[in-house]
Structures are given as C-alpha cells and as structure tokens.
Amino acid sequence: MDGNVNAGSKQFDRLTAGRAAAEPPFASILRAGVAGGLAGAIIIWIYEALIWVGVQHLMPLAGIPRNATGLVFGKAFQESIGIWAYVIGTAIHFVFAIGWGVLFAAIWPYFRRRGYEATFVALFYAIFAWIVMHVAIAIASDNHPNYLDPVVIIGGFMSHFCFTVPLALVVKRMLAPAAARTSV
C-alpha cells in the first residue's frame, strides 16, 4: 500500500509542478496587463474618433478625453472644472483600461491552458466589461446615455471589442511560454 501512496504522491507532484510552470509570475501578469490595457485604451479612442466623431457626429474630437469625467461625475461637474475635465477624463480612461488589462492578464492563463483563443475570450470579456462599467456609471451618475437603447448597447459593445481584442492579443503575446515566443 505504501508504494501506491508514493506513486500517487509523485504523480501529484508532477501535475502541480507542471501547473506552476504554466503560471506566469505576477510581475509578468502585471506588465502584460498594463501593456495590453494601454494598447486597448489607445485603440478604443481611435475607434471613438473614427466612429463616434467622424461617422456618427456624436461629439467633437476634443470631447473624447473629457467624456469619462462627464460619465462618472456628471455633465455639470465636467463643465464646471474646465480644462481639468480633460486631465481627469484621460486619467479615468487609462486607469480603468489598465485595471481591465491586468484583470484580463490574470485570467488569461486559465483560458490558455484550456485551449481557448485570446480573441474569442476577448469578445465575451468586452461584453462583461461594458456591462460592469455601465452599471457602475448608472449608479454613480444620472447623466448618461440610455443604456437600454439598442443603438447605445451595440455601439458600446463594438467600442469595447476594439478595446479587448488588442488587449487580449498583447497579453497573449507577452504571456506566451518562452518556447512559443521564440518560434514566432
């Protein structure tokens, strides 16, 4: 009986050692999440400039950086602080983008081990992020678009796809095992 326990223990040790080797260190997760979040933050602003400003004429180009200030604190506050609305809105945008990036980088190894493609996970992550962000905005402020309007929902999902897909690709690349990175 002692031999069976030993064999089982050795098998458990191999499994946990393999799993530990597959888990990236926290510093790598943090670095990948920050880089992915920043990439997504820039791409979503490009999308907003092209679609919200250029095609739909929803706001002027200068309105993009200050948009987060109005969504979080309300339009009256946004207007009352003048140029600071741009600074605060930009900070909110990038801080939240980095936060979502780090969260994605933290969960990505789980999905990678199960064979999921990063862009596939990113599509569902975009929907999840949009819902969480906009429920929080609806709670924090009464000055927001109608989140029950299908146009607002579809437009929001599209913009968040433009955020999470680049985020996922950067994270996937940065957290790839060393052998996979050198073969590309």
C-alpha atoms as a PDB file:
ATOM      1  CA  MET A   1       0.000   0.000   0.000  1.00  0.00           C
ATOM      2  CA  ASP A   2       2.867   2.310   0.761  1.00  0.00           C
ATOM      3  CA  GLY A   3       4.060   2.016  -2.857  1.00  0.00           C
ATOM      4  CA  ASN A   4       0.681   3.180  -4.210  1.00  0.00           C
ATOM      5  CA  VAL A   5       0.650   6.217  -1.954  1.00  0.00           C
ATOM      6  CA  ASN A   6       4.161   7.096  -3.086  1.00  0.00           C
ATOM      7  CA  ALA A   7       3.232   6.705  -6.768  1.00  0.00           C
ATOM      8  CA  GLY A   8       0.171   8.876  -6.274  1.00  0.00           C
ATOM      9  CA  SER A   9       2.229  11.474  -4.472  1.00  0.00           C
ATOM     10  CA  LYS A  10       4.799  11.563  -7.287  1.00  0.00           C
ATOM     11  CA  GLN A  11       2.035  11.966  -9.876  1.00  0.00           C
ATOM     12  CA  PHE A  12       0.524  14.818  -7.844  1.00  0.00           C
ATOM     13  CA  ASP A  13       3.966  16.465  -7.607  1.00  0.00           C
ATOM     14  CA  ARG A  14       4.390  16.253 -11.400  1.00  0.00           C
ATOM     15  CA  LEU A  15       0.953  17.754 -12.006  1.00  0.00           C
ATOM     16  CA  THR A  16       1.459  20.633  -9.588  1.00  0.00           C
ATOM     17  CA  ALA A  17       4.966  21.302 -10.904  1.00  0.00           C
ATOM     18  CA  GLY A  18       3.587  21.417 -14.472  1.00  0.00           C
ATOM     19  CA  ARG A  19       0.833  23.775 -13.409  1.00  0.00           C
ATOM     20  CA  ALA A  20       3.264  26.018 -11.520  1.00  0.00           C
ATOM     21  CA  ALA A  21       5.485  26.165 -14.609  1.00  0.00           C
ATOM     22  CA  ALA A  22       2.434  27.204 -16.676  1.00  0.00           C
ATOM     23  CA  GLU A  23       1.533  30.023 -14.262  1.00  0.00           C
ATOM     24  CA  PRO A  24       3.333  33.226 -15.174  1.00  0.00           C
ATOM     25  CA  PRO A  25       4.810  35.247 -12.308  1.00  0.00           C
ATOM     26  CA  PHE A  26       2.753  38.158 -11.008  1.00  0.00           C
ATOM     27  CA  ALA A  27       5.250  40.687 -12.389  1.00  0.00           C
ATOM     28  CA  SER A  28       4.729  39.260 -15.894  1.00  0.00           C
ATOM     29  CA  ILE A  29       0.950  39.371 -15.462  1.00  0.00           C
ATOM     30  CA  LEU A  30       1.154  42.968 -14.289  1.00  0.00           C
ATOM     31  CA  ARG A  31       3.468  44.007 -17.148  1.00  0.00           C
ATOM     32  CA  ALA A  32       1.312  42.279 -19.776  1.00  0.00           C
ATOM     33  CA  GLY A  33      -1.894  43.702 -18.316  1.00  0.00           C
ATOM     34  CA  VAL A  34      -0.554  47.249 -18.269  1.00  0.00           C
ATOM     35  CA  ALA A  35       0.767  46.984 -21.839  1.00  0.00           C
ATOM     36  CA  GLY A  36      -2.451  45.373 -23.092  1.00  0.00           C
ATOM     37  CA  GLY A  37      -4.623  47.883 -21.244  1.00  0.00           C
ATOM     38  CA  LEU A  38      -2.696  50.809 -22.710  1.00  0.00           C
ATOM     39  CA  ALA A  39      -2.903  49.338 -26.223  1.00  0.00           C
ATOM     40  CA  GLY A  40      -6.652  48.804 -25.846  1.00  0.00           C
ATOM     41  CA  ALA A  41      -7.123  52.305 -24.408  1.00  0.00           C
ATOM     42  CA  ILE A  42      -5.458  53.877 -27.425  1.00  0.00           C
ATOM     43  CA  ILE A  43      -7.321  51.683 -29.938  1.00  0.00           C
ATOM     44  CA  ILE A  44     -10.728  52.408 -28.367  1.00  0.00           C
ATOM     45  CA  TRP A  45     -10.016  56.145 -28.636  1.00  0.00           C
ATOM     46  CA  ILE A  46      -9.121  55.674 -32.304  1.00  0.00           C
ATOM     47  CA  TYR A  47     -12.430  53.829 -32.780  1.00  0.00           C
ATOM     48  CA  GLU A  48     -14.310  56.621 -30.993  1.00  0.00           C
ATOM     49  CA  ALA A  49     -12.589  59.259 -33.133  1.00  0.00           C
ATOM     50  CA  LEU A  50     -13.459  57.430 -36.345  1.00  0.00           C
ATOM     51  CA  ILE A  51     -16.973  56.253 -35.483  1.00  0.00           C
ATOM     52  CA  TRP A  52     -18.411  58.454 -32.721  1.00  0.00           C
ATOM     53  CA  VAL A  53     -16.865  61.648 -34.072  1.00  0.00           C
ATOM     54  CA  GLY A  54     -16.284  61.026 -37.784  1.00  0.00           C
ATOM     55  CA  VAL A  55     -19.261  58.876 -38.759  1.00  0.00           C
ATOM     56  CA  GLN A  56     -21.960  59.411 -36.132  1.00  0.00           C
ATOM     57  CA  HIS A  57     -21.084  63.007 -35.160  1.00  0.00           C
ATOM     58  CA  LEU A  58     -21.929  62.278 -31.517  1.00  0.00           C
ATOM     59  CA  MET A  59     -19.294  64.643 -30.123  1.00  0.00           C
ATOM     60  CA  PRO A  60     -16.382  66.783 -31.209  1.00  0.00           C
ATOM     61  CA  LEU A  61     -12.948  65.156 -31.295  1.00  0.00           C
ATOM     62  CA  ALA A  62     -11.917  67.184 -28.254  1.00  0.00           C
ATOM     63  CA  GLY A  63     -14.829  65.632 -26.337  1.00  0.00           C
ATOM     64  CA  ILE A  64     -13.266  62.162 -26.237  1.00  0.00           C
ATOM     65  CA  PRO A  65     -10.721  62.745 -23.419  1.00  0.00           C
ATOM     66  CA  ARG A  66     -13.221  64.548 -21.197  1.00  0.00           C
ATOM     67  CA  ASN A  67     -16.058  62.067 -21.826  1.00  0.00           C
ATOM     68  CA  ALA A  68     -15.178  59.878 -18.828  1.00  0.00           C
ATOM     69  CA  THR A  69     -15.365  62.876 -16.491  1.00  0.00           C
ATOM     70  CA  GLY A  70     -18.952  63.556 -17.530  1.00  0.00           C
ATOM     71  CA  LEU A  71     -19.944  59.897 -17.324  1.00  0.00           C
ATOM     72  CA  VAL A  72     -18.537  59.459 -13.821  1.00  0.00           C
ATOM     73  CA  PHE A  73     -19.210  62.857 -12.229  1.00  0.00           C
ATOM     74  CA  GLY A  74     -21.960  64.295 -14.430  1.00  0.00           C
ATOM     75  CA  LYS A  75     -22.018  66.941 -17.134  1.00  0.00           C
ATOM     76  CA  ALA A  76     -22.387  69.837 -14.695  1.00  0.00           C
ATOM     77  CA  PHE A  77     -19.160  68.884 -12.924  1.00  0.00           C
ATOM     78  CA  GLN A  78     -17.438  68.281 -16.260  1.00  0.00           C
ATOM     79  CA  GLU A  79     -18.369  71.777 -17.442  1.00  0.00           C
ATOM     80  CA  SER A  80     -17.513  73.456 -14.141  1.00  0.00           C
ATOM     81  CA  ILE A  81     -13.895  72.304 -13.984  1.00  0.00           C
ATOM     82  CA  GLY A  82     -12.906  73.480 -17.457  1.00  0.00           C
ATOM     83  CA  ILE A  83      -9.582  72.128 -18.751  1.00  0.00           C
ATOM     84  CA  TRP A  84      -9.313  69.768 -15.773  1.00  0.00           C
ATOM     85  CA  ALA A  85     -12.115  67.683 -17.307  1.00  0.00           C
ATOM     86  CA  TYR A  86      -9.607  66.594 -19.966  1.00  0.00           C
ATOM     87  CA  VAL A  87      -6.979  65.657 -17.389  1.00  0.00           C
ATOM     88  CA  ILE A  88      -9.405  63.799 -15.124  1.00  0.00           C
ATOM     89  CA  GLY A  89     -11.173  62.101 -18.036  1.00  0.00           C
ATOM     90  CA  THR A  90      -7.882  60.943 -19.526  1.00  0.00           C
ATOM     91  CA  ALA A  91      -6.736  59.646 -16.131  1.00  0.00           C
ATOM     92  CA  ILE A  92     -10.016  57.792 -15.586  1.00  0.00           C
ATOM     93  CA  HIS A  93      -9.820  56.289 -19.074  1.00  0.00           C
ATOM     94  CA  PHE A  94      -6.271  54.994 -18.715  1.00  0.00           C
ATOM     95  CA  VAL A  95      -6.535  53.866 -15.088  1.00  0.00           C
ATOM     96  CA  PHE A  96      -9.625  51.792 -15.835  1.00  0.00           C
ATOM     97  CA  ALA A  97      -8.125  50.465 -19.072  1.00  0.00           C
ATOM     98  CA  ILE A  98      -5.020  49.331 -17.197  1.00  0.00           C
ATOM     99  CA  GLY A  99      -7.180  47.765 -14.473  1.00  0.00           C
ATOM    100  CA  TRP A 100      -9.190  45.805 -17.036  1.00  0.00           C
ATOM    101  CA  GLY A 101      -5.904  44.856 -18.718  1.00  0.00           C
ATOM    102  CA  VAL A 102      -4.387  43.475 -15.531  1.00  0.00           C
ATOM    103  CA  LEU A 103      -7.582  41.538 -14.785  1.00  0.00           C
ATOM    104  CA  PHE A 104      -7.525  40.005 -18.271  1.00  0.00           C
ATOM    105  CA  ALA A 105      -3.847  39.111 -17.895  1.00  0.00           C
ATOM    106  CA  ALA A 106      -4.653  37.431 -14.568  1.00  0.00           C
ATOM    107  CA  ILE A 107      -7.428  35.257 -16.040  1.00  0.00           C
ATOM    108  CA  TRP A 108      -5.792  34.589 -19.421  1.00  0.00           C
ATOM    109  CA  PRO A 109      -3.560  31.656 -18.274  1.00  0.00           C
ATOM    110  CA  TYR A 110      -6.694  29.776 -17.171  1.00  0.00           C
ATOM    111  CA  PHE A 111      -8.203  30.031 -20.661  1.00  0.00           C
ATOM    112  CA  ARG A 112      -4.889  29.403 -22.449  1.00  0.00           C
ATOM    113  CA  ARG A 113      -4.437  26.102 -20.555  1.00  0.00           C
ATOM    114  CA  ARG A 114      -7.891  25.040 -21.764  1.00  0.00           C
ATOM    115  CA  GLY A 115      -7.079  25.831 -25.395  1.00  0.00           C
ATOM    116  CA  TYR A 116      -9.195  28.950 -25.928  1.00  0.00           C
ATOM    117  CA  GLU A 117      -8.103  31.611 -28.402  1.00  0.00           C
ATOM    118  CA  ALA A 118      -7.445  35.015 -26.836  1.00  0.00           C
ATOM    119  CA  THR A 119      -9.671  36.912 -29.270  1.00  0.00           C
ATOM    120  CA  PHE A 120     -12.561  34.556 -28.520  1.00  0.00           C
ATOM    121  CA  VAL A 121     -12.210  35.218 -24.791  1.00  0.00           C
ATOM    122  CA  ALA A 122     -11.857  38.948 -25.553  1.00  0.00           C
ATOM    123  CA  LEU A 123     -15.300  39.095 -27.178  1.00  0.00           C
ATOM    124  CA  PHE A 124     -17.020  37.885 -24.019  1.00  0.00           C
ATOM    125  CA  TYR A 125     -14.706  39.976 -21.853  1.00  0.00           C
ATOM    126  CA  ALA A 126     -15.767  43.081 -23.814  1.00  0.00           C
ATOM    127  CA  ILE A 127     -19.438  42.435 -23.109  1.00  0.00           C
ATOM    128  CA  PHE A 128     -18.717  41.746 -19.441  1.00  0.00           C
ATOM    129  CA  ALA A 129     -16.586  44.913 -19.137  1.00  0.00           C
ATOM    130  CA  TRP A 130     -19.207  47.073 -20.860  1.00  0.00           C
ATOM    131  CA  ILE A 131     -21.977  45.806 -18.587  1.00  0.00           C
ATOM    132  CA  VAL A 132     -19.944  46.250 -15.385  1.00  0.00           C
ATOM    133  CA  MET A 133     -18.678  49.708 -16.366  1.00  0.00           C
ATOM    134  CA  HIS A 134     -22.076  50.990 -17.379  1.00  0.00           C
ATOM    135  CA  VAL A 135     -23.924  49.601 -14.391  1.00  0.00           C
ATOM    136  CA  ALA A 136     -21.338  51.411 -12.245  1.00  0.00           C
ATOM    137  CA  ILE A 137     -21.804  54.608 -14.289  1.00  0.00           C
ATOM    138  CA  ALA A 138     -25.592  54.336 -13.969  1.00  0.00           C
ATOM    139  CA  ILE A 139     -25.196  54.016 -10.195  1.00  0.00           C
ATOM    140  CA  ALA A 140     -22.651  56.859  -9.906  1.00  0.00           C
ATOM    141  CA  SER A 141     -24.356  59.389 -12.164  1.00  0.00           C
ATOM    142  CA  ASP A 142     -27.763  60.117 -13.640  1.00  0.00           C
ATOM    143  CA  ASN A 143     -26.212  61.848 -16.649  1.00  0.00           C
ATOM    144  CA  HIS A 144     -25.514  59.060 -19.142  1.00  0.00           C
ATOM    145  CA  PRO A 145     -26.906  57.677 -22.391  1.00  0.00           C
ATOM    146  CA  ASN A 146     -29.953  55.430 -22.300  1.00  0.00           C
ATOM    147  CA  TYR A 147     -28.300  52.073 -21.618  1.00  0.00           C
ATOM    148  CA  LEU A 148     -31.497  50.288 -22.661  1.00  0.00           C
ATOM    149  CA  ASP A 149     -31.317  51.761 -26.184  1.00  0.00           C
ATOM    150  CA  PRO A 150     -30.178  49.021 -28.625  1.00  0.00           C
ATOM    151  CA  VAL A 151     -28.060  51.557 -30.554  1.00  0.00           C
ATOM    152  CA  VAL A 152     -26.204  52.512 -27.353  1.00  0.00           C
ATOM    153  CA  ILE A 153     -25.735  48.842 -26.420  1.00  0.00           C
ATOM    154  CA  ILE A 154     -24.453  47.787 -29.845  1.00  0.00           C
ATOM    155  CA  GLY A 155     -22.222  50.849 -30.127  1.00  0.00           C
ATOM    156  CA  GLY A 156     -20.871  50.198 -26.645  1.00  0.00           C
ATOM    157  CA  PHE A 157     -20.137  46.558 -27.379  1.00  0.00           C
ATOM    158  CA  MET A 158     -18.408  47.499 -30.641  1.00  0.00           C
ATOM    159  CA  SER A 159     -16.181  50.041 -28.925  1.00  0.00           C
ATOM    160  CA  HIS A 160     -15.325  47.557 -26.183  1.00  0.00           C
ATOM    161  CA  PHE A 161     -14.484  44.895 -28.776  1.00  0.00           C
ATOM    162  CA  CYS A 162     -11.984  47.445 -30.134  1.00  0.00           C
ATOM    163  CA  PHE A 163     -10.573  47.649 -26.605  1.00  0.00           C
ATOM    164  CA  THR A 164     -10.455  43.988 -25.598  1.00  0.00           C
ATOM    165  CA  VAL A 165      -9.221  42.370 -28.814  1.00  0.00           C
ATOM    166  CA  PRO A 166      -5.936  44.332 -28.934  1.00  0.00           C
ATOM    167  CA  LEU A 167      -5.679  43.929 -25.157  1.00  0.00           C
ATOM    168  CA  ALA A 168      -6.041  40.161 -25.482  1.00  0.00           C
ATOM    169  CA  LEU A 169      -3.525  39.896 -28.306  1.00  0.00           C
ATOM    170  CA  VAL A 170      -0.902  41.873 -26.392  1.00  0.00           C
ATOM    171  CA  VAL A 171      -1.477  39.825 -23.230  1.00  0.00           C
ATOM    172  CA  LYS A 172      -1.424  36.561 -25.181  1.00  0.00           C
ATOM    173  CA  ARG A 173       1.872  37.502 -26.807  1.00  0.00           C
ATOM    174  CA  MET A 174       3.518  38.752 -23.623  1.00  0.00           C
ATOM    175  CA  LEU A 175       2.406  35.779 -21.510  1.00  0.00           C
ATOM    176  CA  ALA A 176       3.175  33.128 -24.111  1.00  0.00           C
ATOM    177  CA  PRO A 177       5.593  30.477 -22.896  1.00  0.00           C
ATOM    178  CA  ALA A 178       9.198  31.303 -23.862  1.00  0.00           C
ATOM    179  CA  ALA A 179       9.352  28.487 -26.459  1.00  0.00           C
ATOM    180  CA  ALA A 180       6.244  29.815 -28.225  1.00  0.00           C
ATOM    181  CA  ARG A 181       7.585  33.393 -28.301  1.00  0.00           C
ATOM    182  CA  THR A 182      10.877  32.390 -29.937  1.00  0.00           C
ATOM    183  CA  SER A 183       9.209  30.308 -32.636  1.00  0.00           C
ATOM    184  CA  VAL A 184       7.085  33.221 -33.904  1.00  0.00           C
END
